[in-house]
Protein backbone atom coordinates (compact mmCIF):
# COMPACT_ATOMS: atom_id res chain seq x y z
CA UNK A 1 -6.31 27.95 61.75
CA UNK A 2 -9.28 26.71 63.83
CA UNK A 3 -11.89 24.10 62.86
CA UNK A 4 -15.21 23.82 64.00
CA UNK A 5 -16.41 20.24 64.71
CA UNK A 6 -20.21 20.37 62.17
CA UNK A 7 -21.30 16.95 62.50
CA UNK A 8 -20.03 13.58 61.99
CA UNK A 9 -19.74 11.85 58.84
CA UNK A 10 -18.98 8.56 58.86
CA UNK A 11 -22.08 7.23 57.16
CA UNK A 12 -20.55 6.79 53.97
CA UNK A 13 -16.99 6.74 54.84
CA UNK A 14 -14.58 4.55 56.13
CA UNK A 15 -13.84 5.21 59.16
CA UNK A 16 -14.35 7.96 61.25
CA UNK A 17 -15.13 10.60 58.87
CA UNK A 18 -16.48 14.64 60.19
CA UNK A 19 -17.58 17.68 58.79
CA UNK A 20 -15.12 21.23 60.04
CA UNK A 21 -16.31 24.91 58.82
CA UNK A 22 -12.34 26.23 58.92
CA UNK A 23 -11.84 29.91 60.81
CA UNK A 24 -9.97 30.85 57.23
CA UNK A 25 -11.23 29.05 53.90
CA UNK A 26 -8.54 26.57 52.05
CA UNK A 27 -7.41 26.86 48.65
CA UNK A 28 -8.12 23.69 46.74
CA UNK A 29 -7.62 22.78 43.00
CA UNK A 30 -10.20 21.82 40.55
CA UNK A 31 -9.50 19.73 37.80
CA UNK A 32 -12.62 19.40 36.45
CA UNK A 33 -11.86 20.75 33.40
CA UNK A 34 -8.55 21.09 30.94
CA UNK A 35 -7.38 24.54 33.21
CA UNK A 36 -5.99 23.95 36.36
CA UNK A 37 -7.88 26.67 38.98
CA UNK A 38 -7.56 26.78 42.16
CA UNK A 39 -10.90 27.23 44.38
CA UNK A 40 -11.39 27.78 48.48
CA UNK A 41 -13.73 26.37 50.57
CA UNK A 42 -14.90 26.91 53.93
CA UNK A 43 -15.39 23.30 54.61
CA UNK A 44 -13.79 19.81 54.96
CA UNK A 45 -14.15 16.38 55.70
CA UNK A 46 -11.14 14.66 57.50
CA UNK A 47 -11.58 10.98 57.26
CA UNK A 48 -9.96 8.90 59.76
CA UNK A 49 -8.79 5.18 58.94
CA UNK A 50 -7.21 2.90 60.96
CA UNK A 51 -8.26 -0.90 60.55
CA UNK A 52 -6.17 -3.39 60.00
CA UNK A 53 -4.76 -2.89 56.67
CA UNK A 54 -5.03 1.29 55.99
CA UNK A 55 -3.90 3.51 58.25
CA UNK A 56 -4.20 7.02 56.90
CA UNK A 57 -5.95 9.87 57.99
CA UNK A 58 -6.75 12.35 54.75
CA UNK A 59 -8.80 15.83 54.65
CA UNK A 60 -11.04 16.83 50.97
CA UNK A 61 -11.98 19.90 50.37
CA UNK A 62 -16.46 19.50 50.99
CA UNK A 63 -19.74 21.87 51.06
CA UNK A 64 -21.22 22.73 54.37
CA UNK A 65 -23.57 20.10 53.55
CA UNK A 66 -20.77 17.56 53.26
CA UNK A 67 -20.33 16.39 49.95
CA UNK A 68 -16.86 15.97 49.32
CA UNK A 69 -15.47 18.81 45.79
CA UNK A 70 -12.79 16.68 45.06
CA UNK A 71 -11.16 13.62 46.32
CA UNK A 72 -7.36 15.47 45.77
CA UNK A 73 -6.66 14.68 49.60
CA UNK A 74 -5.47 18.31 51.16
CA UNK A 75 -2.02 19.54 52.78
CA UNK A 76 -2.36 17.73 56.39
CA UNK A 77 -3.51 14.32 55.17
CA UNK A 78 -1.46 11.83 56.68
CA UNK A 79 -0.89 8.64 54.47
CA UNK A 80 1.29 6.24 55.85
CA UNK A 81 0.12 6.02 59.70
CA UNK A 82 -3.08 7.81 60.83
CA UNK A 83 -2.75 11.20 63.10
CA UNK A 84 -6.41 12.44 64.93
CA UNK A 85 -8.68 14.90 63.44
CA UNK A 86 -7.00 18.12 65.50
CA UNK A 87 -3.30 17.21 64.39
CA UNK A 88 -4.13 16.56 60.70
CA UNK A 89 -5.98 19.83 60.50
CA UNK A 90 -3.34 21.62 61.92
CA UNK A 91 -1.50 21.02 58.96
CA UNK A 92 -4.10 22.01 56.55
CA UNK A 93 -2.97 26.06 55.50
CA UNK A 94 -5.10 28.03 54.45
């Protein structure tokens, strides 16, 4: 799935964070109520941290303004070693 870089989001994030617009919407689970509700968004934030203590690349659903919708990591996230943004996005499924 292709992604278009929108803007740098590193301010307010630890590491290198970027907002992307996906060519197709991605699904995420909304846990704001007692029921599990699956929703979709075209936007994700990919955050890459590799600083000697933390080594990870995480993907979060976001709004077009760059606000994280849910802090649950999406598929494609990698917790035990950092990978570049593009490789993480290749692991993201709609």
